[in-house]
Amino acid sequence: MKKQVMSSEEVVELATAALEDVKALDIQVLNVRDKTSIADYMLIATGTSNRQISAMLDKVREVVKAKGLQPLSEEGKGDSDWVLLDLGDVIVHMMTAAARQFYDLERLWAGAEQSRAASAAHHTPGHE
């Protein structure tokens, strides 16, 4: 039986939903397909604490594994201000607000097509 392969867009949707589920903030999706050969998309999300970032990592890992996708690598576990989860064509960056502001990946990848997760447009939870 052949394993179902998810498109990078499906992986983005899955990871974004997982991040939203654990209340990640300001989820950005960067289409870097035309900028680099390392990935099609980068997701950047802010956590309010190292504990939340750890929960974000655990949730994304759990959700993608449940769909049969094995993460390639993880960087910056534990009490890191920046954790990276490599899902192949999708790289998920989970950072504290201070680390996100300092490294400013959005500026670094300026020119890449960027979009916010749908829920990020709503400032009040539960009000669609």
Protein backbone atom coordinates (compact mmCIF):
# COMPACT_ATOMS: atom_id res chain seq x y z
CA MET A 1 0.00 0.00 0.00
CA LYS A 2 1.42 3.35 -1.04
CA LYS A 3 1.69 6.04 1.64
CA GLN A 4 -0.43 9.14 1.03
CA VAL A 5 1.80 12.16 0.53
CA MET A 6 0.49 15.53 1.66
CA SER A 7 1.07 18.65 -0.38
CA SER A 8 3.05 21.43 1.28
CA GLU A 9 -0.18 23.47 1.35
CA GLU A 10 -1.92 20.70 3.29
CA VAL A 11 0.99 20.57 5.75
CA VAL A 12 0.70 24.37 6.20
CA GLU A 13 -3.03 24.03 6.95
CA LEU A 14 -2.41 21.20 9.40
CA ALA A 15 0.41 22.99 11.23
CA THR A 16 -1.51 26.28 11.31
CA ALA A 17 -4.56 24.58 12.82
CA ALA A 18 -2.34 22.91 15.44
CA LEU A 19 -0.74 26.26 16.33
CA GLU A 20 -4.15 27.93 16.58
CA ASP A 21 -5.33 25.09 18.81
CA VAL A 22 -2.67 25.95 21.41
CA LYS A 23 -3.30 29.72 21.09
CA ALA A 24 -0.14 30.66 19.19
CA LEU A 25 -0.06 34.37 18.34
CA ASP A 26 0.49 36.21 15.04
CA ILE A 27 0.84 33.13 12.82
CA GLN A 28 2.49 34.15 9.55
CA VAL A 29 2.74 31.98 6.45
CA LEU A 30 5.61 32.87 4.12
CA ASN A 31 5.67 31.36 0.64
CA VAL A 32 9.43 31.00 0.04
CA ARG A 33 9.15 28.60 -2.89
CA ASP A 34 10.71 31.13 -5.30
CA LYS A 35 13.31 32.34 -2.76
CA THR A 36 15.02 29.15 -1.61
CA SER A 37 15.32 25.45 -2.38
CA ILE A 38 15.15 24.42 1.30
CA ALA A 39 11.37 24.75 1.67
CA ASP A 40 8.14 25.88 0.03
CA TYR A 41 6.71 27.57 3.13
CA MET A 42 7.82 28.93 6.47
CA LEU A 43 5.39 29.36 9.30
CA ILE A 44 6.29 31.80 12.04
CA ALA A 45 4.30 31.91 15.28
CA THR A 46 4.75 33.64 18.61
CA GLY A 47 4.39 31.99 21.99
CA THR A 48 3.91 33.95 25.20
CA SER A 49 6.39 31.81 27.15
CA ASN A 50 8.91 29.02 26.72
CA ARG A 51 6.31 26.64 28.13
CA GLN A 52 3.79 27.67 25.47
CA ILE A 53 6.43 27.31 22.74
CA SER A 54 7.09 23.78 24.00
CA ALA A 55 3.33 23.07 23.86
CA MET A 56 3.21 24.49 20.33
CA LEU A 57 6.04 22.19 19.25
CA ASP A 58 4.39 19.16 20.86
CA LYS A 59 1.01 19.90 19.25
CA VAL A 60 2.35 20.44 15.72
CA ARG A 61 4.52 17.31 15.99
CA GLU A 62 1.57 15.25 17.30
CA VAL A 63 -0.82 16.44 14.57
CA VAL A 64 1.53 15.87 11.64
CA LYS A 65 2.62 12.46 12.94
CA ALA A 66 -1.05 11.46 13.24
CA LYS A 67 -1.32 12.16 9.49
CA GLY A 68 1.75 10.01 8.75
CA LEU A 69 4.28 12.82 8.34
CA GLN A 70 7.56 12.31 10.17
CA PRO A 71 9.34 15.59 11.06
CA LEU A 72 12.88 15.69 9.66
CA SER A 73 14.42 17.55 12.58
CA GLU A 74 13.85 19.81 15.57
CA GLU A 75 16.12 22.57 16.80
CA GLY A 76 16.07 24.48 20.07
CA LYS A 77 14.08 22.34 22.48
CA GLY A 78 13.65 22.92 26.19
CA ASP A 79 13.76 26.50 27.39
CA SER A 80 14.68 27.98 24.01
CA ASP A 81 13.24 31.28 22.82
CA TRP A 82 13.16 29.86 19.28
CA VAL A 83 12.18 26.34 18.28
CA LEU A 84 12.24 25.10 14.71
CA LEU A 85 10.39 22.07 13.37
CA ASP A 86 11.44 20.90 9.91
CA LEU A 87 8.55 19.21 8.12
CA GLY A 88 10.32 18.94 4.78
CA ASP A 89 8.74 21.49 2.46
CA VAL A 90 7.37 23.38 5.47
CA ILE A 91 9.52 24.82 8.26
CA VAL A 92 7.75 25.95 11.42
CA HIS A 93 9.43 28.62 13.58
CA MET A 94 7.97 29.05 17.07
CA MET A 95 9.43 32.01 18.97
CA THR A 96 8.99 34.32 21.92
CA ALA A 97 7.98 37.86 20.97
CA ALA A 98 11.48 39.12 21.88
CA ALA A 99 13.24 36.51 19.71
CA ARG A 100 10.84 37.13 16.85
CA GLN A 101 11.46 40.87 16.98
CA PHE A 102 15.24 40.37 17.25
CA TYR A 103 15.61 37.87 14.38
CA ASP A 104 12.86 39.51 12.27
CA LEU A 105 12.44 36.61 9.86
CA GLU A 106 9.63 38.43 8.07
CA ARG A 107 12.07 41.18 7.07
CA LEU A 108 14.77 38.63 6.24
CA TRP A 109 12.37 36.94 3.83
CA ALA A 110 10.92 40.24 2.56
CA GLY A 111 9.53 39.80 -0.90
CA ALA A 112 8.29 36.31 -0.10
CA GLU A 113 4.53 36.12 -0.35
CA GLN A 114 3.22 36.50 3.19
CA SER A 115 -0.18 35.86 4.68
CA ARG A 116 -1.60 35.73 8.16
CA ALA A 117 -3.53 32.75 9.39
CA ALA A 118 -7.24 33.51 9.13
CA SER A 119 -7.66 33.60 12.90
CA ALA A 120 -4.85 36.14 13.33
CA ALA A 121 -7.06 38.78 11.74
CA HIS A 122 -9.47 38.51 14.65
CA HIS A 123 -8.25 40.16 17.84
CA THR A 124 -11.06 38.88 20.03
CA PRO A 125 -11.14 35.09 20.41
CA GLY A 126 -14.43 33.55 19.43
CA HIS A 127 -15.67 36.56 17.43
CA GLU A 128 -15.57 35.65 13.75
